[in-house]
Amino acid sequence: MASRRDLIRMTEEEVSAFLGEHILGVFGTGDASGCPHMVNTAFLADTEGIAVTSFAAAQKVRNIERTGTASLLVEVNWPYSQVRGVLISGPTRIVTDVDVVIDVTTRIRTRHASMEAGTPAVDIATHAAKRCVLYIAPQKIRSWDHTKLGGRY
């Protein structure tokens, strides 16, 4: 008999679809004292990995410079019978190329605008030189989908 953990694990296709349904996740790094540093951020899954953008001087960037790793949690956390989530972690690289920053930021904002009305316009190029893209190479992917339990616990 399959374990409950095996019953709720998403397939690769389900993980991809779930990530495509969501705009925001919780980006995690480890600070200098070893404590988690968690921030909400928009993300994009693409051929390079899981991409987020940031000001280059941000704490999460300093943490990645030190550890080289990060994680992203995307989750629907209530009600319990509907809990679904994906946690991705792995080596993370920092890209400061302005053209890449503009491209990824534009794609994230376009995706965000298509999912949420009222997203304000931003002149991306104005801030691109101060920003970077953080790419997580998914080394470990954990997923859970409590809807697969059919209300049984």
N, C-alpha and C. Protein backbone atom coordinates (compact mmCIF):
# COMPACT_ATOMS: atom_id res chain seq x y z
N MET A 1 0.84 -1.18 0.00
CA MET A 1 0.00 0.00 0.00
C MET A 1 0.88 1.25 0.00
N ALA A 2 0.51 2.22 -0.80
CA ALA A 2 1.28 3.47 -0.89
C ALA A 2 1.19 4.25 0.41
N SER A 3 2.28 4.94 0.74
CA SER A 3 2.27 5.78 1.93
C SER A 3 1.41 7.01 1.66
N ARG A 4 0.97 7.66 2.72
CA ARG A 4 0.18 8.88 2.55
C ARG A 4 1.01 9.95 1.84
N ARG A 5 2.28 9.96 2.11
CA ARG A 5 3.17 10.92 1.45
C ARG A 5 3.17 10.69 -0.06
N ASP A 6 3.23 9.42 -0.45
CA ASP A 6 3.19 9.09 -1.87
C ASP A 6 1.84 9.45 -2.50
N LEU A 7 0.77 9.34 -1.73
CA LEU A 7 -0.57 9.64 -2.24
C LEU A 7 -0.74 11.12 -2.57
N ILE A 8 -0.09 12.00 -1.82
CA ILE A 8 -0.30 13.43 -2.02
C ILE A 8 0.77 14.09 -2.90
N ARG A 9 1.80 13.35 -3.25
CA ARG A 9 2.86 13.93 -4.10
C ARG A 9 2.31 14.25 -5.49
N MET A 10 2.67 15.42 -6.00
CA MET A 10 2.25 15.82 -7.35
C MET A 10 3.19 15.22 -8.39
N THR A 11 2.66 14.99 -9.57
CA THR A 11 3.48 14.58 -10.71
C THR A 11 4.23 15.81 -11.23
N GLU A 12 5.19 15.60 -12.12
CA GLU A 12 5.89 16.74 -12.74
C GLU A 12 4.92 17.67 -13.45
N GLU A 13 3.94 17.09 -14.14
CA GLU A 13 2.95 17.89 -14.86
C GLU A 13 2.11 18.70 -13.89
N GLU A 14 1.73 18.09 -12.76
CA GLU A 14 0.93 18.79 -11.76
C GLU A 14 1.74 19.92 -11.11
N VAL A 15 3.01 19.69 -10.85
CA VAL A 15 3.88 20.74 -10.29
C VAL A 15 3.94 21.91 -11.26
N SER A 16 4.17 21.62 -12.54
CA SER A 16 4.26 22.67 -13.55
C SER A 16 2.96 23.46 -13.63
N ALA A 17 1.83 22.77 -13.65
CA ALA A 17 0.54 23.44 -13.72
C ALA A 17 0.29 24.29 -12.47
N PHE A 18 0.64 23.76 -11.31
CA PHE A 18 0.45 24.49 -10.05
C PHE A 18 1.27 25.77 -10.05
N LEU A 19 2.53 25.69 -10.45
CA LEU A 19 3.37 26.89 -10.49
C LEU A 19 2.81 27.91 -11.49
N GLY A 20 2.23 27.41 -12.58
CA GLY A 20 1.66 28.30 -13.58
C GLY A 20 0.40 29.02 -13.10
N GLU A 21 -0.25 28.49 -12.07
CA GLU A 21 -1.47 29.09 -11.53
C GLU A 21 -1.19 30.19 -10.50
N HIS A 22 0.04 30.32 -10.06
CA HIS A 22 0.34 31.23 -8.95
C HIS A 22 1.35 32.30 -9.35
N ILE A 23 1.21 33.45 -8.72
CA ILE A 23 2.05 34.61 -9.00
C ILE A 23 3.17 34.76 -7.97
N LEU A 24 2.81 34.52 -6.71
CA LEU A 24 3.74 34.80 -5.61
C LEU A 24 4.18 33.55 -4.89
N GLY A 25 5.38 33.61 -4.35
CA GLY A 25 5.90 32.55 -3.51
C GLY A 25 6.70 33.18 -2.39
N VAL A 26 7.17 32.33 -1.51
CA VAL A 26 8.04 32.77 -0.41
C VAL A 26 9.45 32.31 -0.75
N PHE A 27 10.33 33.28 -0.97
CA PHE A 27 11.72 33.03 -1.35
C PHE A 27 12.55 32.94 -0.08
N GLY A 28 13.29 31.86 0.07
CA GLY A 28 14.04 31.64 1.30
C GLY A 28 15.52 31.49 1.08
N THR A 29 16.28 32.16 1.95
CA THR A 29 17.73 32.01 2.00
C THR A 29 18.12 31.88 3.47
N GLY A 30 19.37 31.60 3.73
CA GLY A 30 19.87 31.53 5.10
C GLY A 30 20.73 32.74 5.41
N ASP A 31 20.43 33.40 6.53
CA ASP A 31 21.23 34.58 6.87
C ASP A 31 22.54 34.18 7.53
N ALA A 32 23.36 35.15 7.87
CA ALA A 32 24.70 34.89 8.40
C ALA A 32 24.67 34.11 9.71
N SER A 33 23.59 34.22 10.47
CA SER A 33 23.51 33.49 11.73
C SER A 33 22.89 32.10 11.56
N GLY A 34 22.51 31.77 10.33
CA GLY A 34 21.91 30.46 10.06
C GLY A 34 20.40 30.46 10.13
N CYS A 35 19.79 31.60 10.41
CA CYS A 35 18.33 31.69 10.47
C CYS A 35 17.75 31.87 9.07
N PRO A 36 16.54 31.37 8.87
CA PRO A 36 15.89 31.58 7.58
C PRO A 36 15.58 33.05 7.35
N HIS A 37 15.77 33.49 6.12
CA HIS A 37 15.38 34.82 5.68
C HIS A 37 14.34 34.59 4.60
N MET A 38 13.09 34.93 4.87
CA MET A 38 11.98 34.62 3.98
C MET A 38 11.31 35.90 3.51
N VAL A 39 11.07 36.00 2.20
CA VAL A 39 10.40 37.17 1.64
C VAL A 39 9.41 36.74 0.56
N ASN A 40 8.27 37.42 0.51
CA ASN A 40 7.31 37.19 -0.57
C ASN A 40 7.84 37.82 -1.84
N THR A 41 7.67 37.12 -2.95
CA THR A 41 8.14 37.66 -4.22
C THR A 41 7.40 37.01 -5.38
N ALA A 42 7.30 37.76 -6.46
CA ALA A 42 6.79 37.19 -7.71
C ALA A 42 7.87 36.29 -8.29
N PHE A 43 7.46 35.29 -9.06
CA PHE A 43 8.42 34.36 -9.63
C PHE A 43 7.99 33.95 -11.03
N LEU A 44 8.90 33.31 -11.71
CA LEU A 44 8.66 32.80 -13.06
C LEU A 44 9.44 31.50 -13.21
N ALA A 45 8.78 30.47 -13.66
CA ALA A 45 9.48 29.22 -13.98
C ALA A 45 9.79 29.26 -15.47
N ASP A 46 11.08 29.16 -15.81
CA ASP A 46 11.45 29.15 -17.23
C ASP A 46 12.57 28.14 -17.46
N THR A 47 13.14 28.14 -18.65
CA THR A 47 14.15 27.13 -19.00
C THR A 47 15.43 27.26 -18.18
N GLU A 48 15.67 28.42 -17.58
CA GLU A 48 16.87 28.63 -16.76
C GLU A 48 16.67 28.18 -15.32
N GLY A 49 15.43 27.96 -14.92
CA GLY A 49 15.12 27.59 -13.54
C GLY A 49 13.97 28.42 -13.02
N ILE A 50 13.93 28.59 -11.72
CA ILE A 50 12.93 29.44 -11.09
C ILE A 50 13.56 30.81 -10.94
N ALA A 51 12.95 31.83 -11.56
CA ALA A 51 13.53 33.17 -11.57
C ALA A 51 12.74 34.12 -10.69
N VAL A 52 13.47 34.92 -9.93
CA VAL A 52 12.90 36.06 -9.22
C VAL A 52 13.84 37.22 -9.47
N THR A 53 13.32 38.42 -9.31
CA THR A 53 14.17 39.59 -9.45
C THR A 53 14.29 40.27 -8.09
N SER A 54 15.35 41.06 -7.96
CA SER A 54 15.62 41.70 -6.68
C SER A 54 16.52 42.90 -6.90
N PHE A 55 16.48 43.84 -5.97
CA PHE A 55 17.53 44.84 -5.95
C PHE A 55 18.83 44.11 -5.60
N ALA A 56 19.89 44.43 -6.26
CA ALA A 56 21.17 43.73 -6.07
C ALA A 56 21.71 43.90 -4.65
N ALA A 57 21.32 44.96 -3.96
CA ALA A 57 21.81 45.21 -2.60
C ALA A 57 20.96 44.54 -1.52
N ALA A 58 19.95 43.77 -1.90
CA ALA A 58 19.04 43.16 -0.93
C ALA A 58 19.71 42.07 -0.10
N GLN A 59 19.16 41.85 1.07
CA GLN A 59 19.69 40.82 1.98
C GLN A 59 19.68 39.44 1.35
N LYS A 60 18.64 39.11 0.60
CA LYS A 60 18.58 37.77 -0.01
C LYS A 60 19.74 37.55 -0.98
N VAL A 61 20.16 38.61 -1.65
CA VAL A 61 21.30 38.51 -2.57
C VAL A 61 22.58 38.30 -1.78
N ARG A 62 22.76 39.03 -0.70
CA ARG A 62 23.94 38.83 0.17
C ARG A 62 23.99 37.39 0.67
N ASN A 63 22.84 36.87 1.06
CA ASN A 63 22.79 35.49 1.56
C ASN A 63 23.17 34.49 0.48
N ILE A 64 22.70 34.70 -0.75
CA ILE A 64 23.05 33.80 -1.85
C ILE A 64 24.53 33.90 -2.18
N GLU A 65 25.08 35.10 -2.13
CA GLU A 65 26.52 35.25 -2.36
C GLU A 65 27.32 34.41 -1.37
N ARG A 66 26.82 34.29 -0.16
CA ARG A 66 27.52 33.54 0.88
C ARG A 66 27.27 32.04 0.77
N THR A 67 26.01 31.62 0.53
CA THR A 67 25.68 30.20 0.58
C THR A 67 25.52 29.54 -0.78
N GLY A 68 25.13 30.34 -1.79
CA GLY A 68 24.93 29.78 -3.13
C GLY A 68 23.64 29.01 -3.31
N THR A 69 22.73 29.08 -2.33
CA THR A 69 21.49 28.33 -2.44
C THR A 69 20.29 29.17 -2.01
N ALA A 70 19.11 28.72 -2.46
CA ALA A 70 17.86 29.37 -2.06
C ALA A 70 16.73 28.37 -2.27
N SER A 71 15.54 28.78 -1.81
CA SER A 71 14.36 27.95 -2.00
C SER A 71 13.17 28.86 -2.33
N LEU A 72 12.14 28.25 -2.88
CA LEU A 72 10.89 28.96 -3.14
C LEU A 72 9.75 28.05 -2.73
N LEU A 73 8.87 28.58 -1.90
CA LEU A 73 7.66 27.88 -1.47
C LEU A 73 6.46 28.55 -2.11
N VAL A 74 5.64 27.78 -2.81
CA VAL A 74 4.38 28.25 -3.35
C VAL A 74 3.32 27.34 -2.75
N GLU A 75 2.33 27.94 -2.05
CA GLU A 75 1.40 27.09 -1.32
C GLU A 75 0.01 27.72 -1.20
N VAL A 76 -0.99 26.86 -1.28
CA VAL A 76 -2.36 27.18 -0.87
C VAL A 76 -2.48 26.50 0.49
N ASN A 77 -2.65 27.28 1.55
CA ASN A 77 -2.52 26.67 2.88
C ASN A 77 -3.81 26.57 3.68
N TRP A 78 -4.97 26.80 3.05
CA TRP A 78 -6.21 26.66 3.79
C TRP A 78 -7.37 26.59 2.81
N PRO A 79 -8.38 25.82 3.05
CA PRO A 79 -8.59 24.92 4.19
C PRO A 79 -7.72 23.66 4.05
N TYR A 80 -7.57 22.95 5.14
CA TYR A 80 -6.64 21.82 5.19
C TYR A 80 -6.92 20.80 4.08
N SER A 81 -8.17 20.55 3.79
CA SER A 81 -8.50 19.56 2.76
C SER A 81 -8.09 20.03 1.36
N GLN A 82 -7.77 21.32 1.22
CA GLN A 82 -7.38 21.89 -0.08
C GLN A 82 -5.91 22.30 -0.13
N VAL A 83 -5.16 21.97 0.91
CA VAL A 83 -3.75 22.37 0.96
C VAL A 83 -3.00 21.75 -0.21
N ARG A 84 -2.28 22.61 -0.93
CA ARG A 84 -1.42 22.16 -2.02
C ARG A 84 -0.17 23.03 -1.99
N GLY A 85 0.95 22.47 -2.36
CA GLY A 85 2.15 23.29 -2.37
C GLY A 85 3.32 22.62 -3.06
N VAL A 86 4.29 23.48 -3.38
CA VAL A 86 5.53 23.04 -4.01
C VAL A 86 6.66 23.79 -3.32
N LEU A 87 7.69 23.07 -2.92
CA LEU A 87 8.90 23.66 -2.34
C LEU A 87 10.07 23.24 -3.21
N ILE A 88 10.73 24.24 -3.79
CA ILE A 88 11.86 24.00 -4.70
C ILE A 88 13.10 24.58 -4.05
N SER A 89 14.19 23.83 -4.06
CA SER A 89 15.45 24.35 -3.53
C SER A 89 16.60 23.87 -4.39
N GLY A 90 17.68 24.65 -4.33
CA GLY A 90 18.85 24.25 -5.10
C GLY A 90 19.86 25.37 -5.23
N PRO A 91 20.93 25.08 -5.95
CA PRO A 91 21.94 26.10 -6.19
C PRO A 91 21.30 27.30 -6.90
N THR A 92 21.75 28.47 -6.53
CA THR A 92 21.14 29.70 -7.05
C THR A 92 22.22 30.61 -7.57
N ARG A 93 22.01 31.10 -8.79
CA ARG A 93 22.98 32.02 -9.36
C ARG A 93 22.39 33.41 -9.50
N ILE A 94 23.26 34.38 -9.44
CA ILE A 94 22.89 35.78 -9.52
C ILE A 94 23.31 36.30 -10.89
N VAL A 95 22.35 36.87 -11.63
CA VAL A 95 22.62 37.40 -12.97
C VAL A 95 22.37 38.91 -12.92
N THR A 96 23.40 39.69 -13.28
CA THR A 96 23.29 41.15 -13.24
C THR A 96 23.20 41.78 -14.62
N ASP A 97 23.28 40.99 -15.67
CA ASP A 97 23.20 41.51 -17.04
C ASP A 97 21.88 42.28 -17.20
N VAL A 98 21.98 43.55 -17.56
CA VAL A 98 20.81 44.44 -17.63
C VAL A 98 19.77 43.91 -18.61
N ASP A 99 20.19 43.36 -19.74
CA ASP A 99 19.22 42.84 -20.72
C ASP A 99 18.44 41.67 -20.14
N VAL A 100 19.11 40.81 -19.40
CA VAL A 100 18.44 39.67 -18.75
C VAL A 100 17.47 40.18 -17.69
N VAL A 101 17.92 41.15 -16.89
CA VAL A 101 17.06 41.72 -15.85
C VAL A 101 15.80 42.31 -16.47
N ILE A 102 15.95 43.07 -17.54
CA ILE A 102 14.79 43.68 -18.21
C ILE A 102 13.87 42.59 -18.76
N ASP A 103 14.44 41.60 -19.42
CA ASP A 103 13.63 40.52 -20.00
C ASP A 103 12.84 39.77 -18.94
N VAL A 104 13.51 39.31 -17.89
CA VAL A 104 12.84 38.52 -16.86
C VAL A 104 11.82 39.37 -16.10
N THR A 105 12.20 40.59 -15.76
CA THR A 105 11.26 41.47 -15.05
C THR A 105 10.03 41.74 -15.90
N THR A 106 10.22 41.96 -17.18
CA THR A 106 9.09 42.20 -18.09
C THR A 106 8.18 40.99 -18.13
N ARG A 107 8.76 39.80 -18.24
CA ARG A 107 7.94 38.58 -18.30
C ARG A 107 7.20 38.34 -16.99
N ILE A 108 7.85 38.60 -15.86
CA ILE A 108 7.17 38.43 -14.56
C ILE A 108 6.02 39.43 -14.44
N ARG A 109 6.27 40.68 -14.78
CA ARG A 109 5.23 41.71 -14.65
C ARG A 109 4.08 41.47 -15.63
N THR A 110 4.38 40.99 -16.84
CA THR A 110 3.33 40.68 -17.80
C THR A 110 2.47 39.54 -17.28
N ARG A 111 3.10 38.53 -16.74
CA ARG A 111 2.37 37.40 -16.16
C ARG A 111 1.52 37.87 -14.99
N HIS A 112 2.09 38.69 -14.14
CA HIS A 112 1.39 39.21 -12.98
C HIS A 112 0.17 40.02 -13.42
N ALA A 113 0.35 40.90 -14.41
CA ALA A 113 -0.74 41.74 -14.90
C ALA A 113 -1.86 40.90 -15.51
N SER A 114 -1.51 39.78 -16.14
CA SER A 114 -2.53 38.94 -16.76
C SER A 114 -3.35 38.20 -15.72
N MET A 115 -2.82 38.06 -14.50
CA MET A 115 -3.51 37.33 -13.45
C MET A 115 -4.18 38.24 -12.42
N GLU A 116 -3.80 39.51 -12.41
CA GLU A 116 -4.36 40.43 -11.42
C GLU A 116 -4.57 41.80 -12.05
N ALA A 117 -5.82 42.20 -12.13
CA ALA A 117 -6.15 43.50 -12.69
C ALA A 117 -5.60 44.61 -11.80
N GLY A 118 -5.23 45.72 -12.43
CA GLY A 118 -4.78 46.87 -11.65
C GLY A 118 -3.30 46.88 -11.34
N THR A 119 -2.52 46.00 -11.95
CA THR A 119 -1.08 46.02 -11.74
C THR A 119 -0.53 47.32 -12.32
N PRO A 120 0.14 48.14 -11.49
CA PRO A 120 0.62 49.44 -11.99
C PRO A 120 1.76 49.28 -12.99
N ALA A 121 1.81 50.22 -13.93
CA ALA A 121 2.90 50.23 -14.91
C ALA A 121 4.18 50.70 -14.22
N VAL A 122 5.29 50.16 -14.64
CA VAL A 122 6.59 50.51 -14.08
C VAL A 122 7.58 50.64 -15.23
N ASP A 123 8.46 51.63 -15.15
CA ASP A 123 9.52 51.77 -16.15
C ASP A 123 10.67 50.85 -15.71
N ILE A 124 10.64 49.64 -16.22
CA ILE A 124 11.59 48.60 -15.80
C ILE A 124 13.03 48.99 -16.09
N ALA A 125 13.27 49.57 -17.24
CA ALA A 125 14.65 49.91 -17.64
C ALA A 125 15.30 50.92 -16.69
N THR A 126 14.50 51.79 -16.08
CA THR A 126 15.04 52.80 -15.17
C THR A 126 15.76 52.17 -13.98
N HIS A 127 15.27 51.05 -13.50
CA HIS A 127 15.82 50.42 -12.29
C HIS A 127 16.68 49.19 -12.58
N ALA A 128 16.74 48.78 -13.84
CA ALA A 128 17.39 47.51 -14.19
C ALA A 128 18.86 47.44 -13.77
N ALA A 129 19.58 48.53 -13.83
CA ALA A 129 21.01 48.51 -13.49
C ALA A 129 21.24 48.25 -12.00
N LYS A 130 20.23 48.49 -11.17
CA LYS A 130 20.34 48.27 -9.73
C LYS A 130 19.78 46.91 -9.31
N ARG A 131 19.27 46.17 -10.28
CA ARG A 131 18.59 44.92 -9.97
C ARG A 131 19.35 43.72 -10.51
N CYS A 132 18.88 42.54 -10.14
CA CYS A 132 19.46 41.30 -10.64
C CYS A 132 18.36 40.25 -10.74
N VAL A 133 18.69 39.16 -11.40
CA VAL A 133 17.81 38.00 -11.47
C VAL A 133 18.47 36.90 -10.66
N LEU A 134 17.67 36.22 -9.85
CA LEU A 134 18.13 35.08 -9.06
C LEU A 134 17.49 33.84 -9.65
N TYR A 135 18.32 32.91 -10.13
CA TYR A 135 17.82 31.68 -10.73
C TYR A 135 18.11 30.51 -9.80
N ILE A 136 17.05 29.86 -9.33
CA ILE A 136 17.21 28.61 -8.57
C ILE A 136 17.22 27.47 -9.57
N ALA A 137 18.26 26.66 -9.54
CA ALA A 137 18.29 25.43 -10.34
C ALA A 137 17.64 24.35 -9.48
N PRO A 138 16.43 23.92 -9.82
CA PRO A 138 15.72 22.97 -8.96
C PRO A 138 16.49 21.67 -8.75
N GLN A 139 17.05 21.52 -7.58
CA GLN A 139 17.79 20.31 -7.23
C GLN A 139 16.87 19.36 -6.47
N LYS A 140 16.02 19.95 -5.64
CA LYS A 140 15.07 19.15 -4.86
C LYS A 140 13.71 19.81 -4.98
N ILE A 141 12.71 19.01 -5.37
CA ILE A 141 11.34 19.50 -5.50
C ILE A 141 10.46 18.63 -4.61
N ARG A 142 9.81 19.27 -3.66
CA ARG A 142 8.86 18.57 -2.80
C ARG A 142 7.49 19.14 -3.11
N SER A 143 6.48 18.29 -3.10
CA SER A 143 5.13 18.75 -3.41
C SER A 143 4.11 17.98 -2.58
N TRP A 144 2.94 18.61 -2.41
CA TRP A 144 1.86 17.98 -1.67
C TRP A 144 0.53 18.51 -2.19
N ASP A 145 -0.44 17.63 -2.25
CA ASP A 145 -1.79 17.99 -2.73
C ASP A 145 -2.80 17.19 -1.92
N HIS A 146 -3.34 17.83 -0.89
CA HIS A 146 -4.28 17.14 0.01
C HIS A 146 -5.62 16.85 -0.67
N THR A 147 -5.90 17.49 -1.81
CA THR A 147 -7.17 17.18 -2.50
C THR A 147 -7.16 15.73 -2.97
N LYS A 148 -5.98 15.14 -3.12
CA LYS A 148 -5.88 13.74 -3.56
C LYS A 148 -6.37 12.76 -2.49
N LEU A 149 -6.52 13.25 -1.27
CA LEU A 149 -6.97 12.38 -0.16
C LEU A 149 -8.50 12.25 -0.14
N GLY A 150 -9.19 13.07 -0.92
CA GLY A 150 -10.65 12.98 -0.97
C GLY A 150 -11.32 13.21 0.37
N GLY A 151 -10.75 14.07 1.19
CA GLY A 151 -11.34 14.37 2.49
C GLY A 151 -11.01 13.36 3.57
N ARG A 152 -10.21 12.35 3.27
CA ARG A 152 -9.82 11.33 4.26
C ARG A 152 -8.49 11.74 4.90
N TYR A 153 -8.40 11.58 6.19
CA TYR A 153 -7.16 11.91 6.88
C TYR A 153 -6.78 10.76 7.71
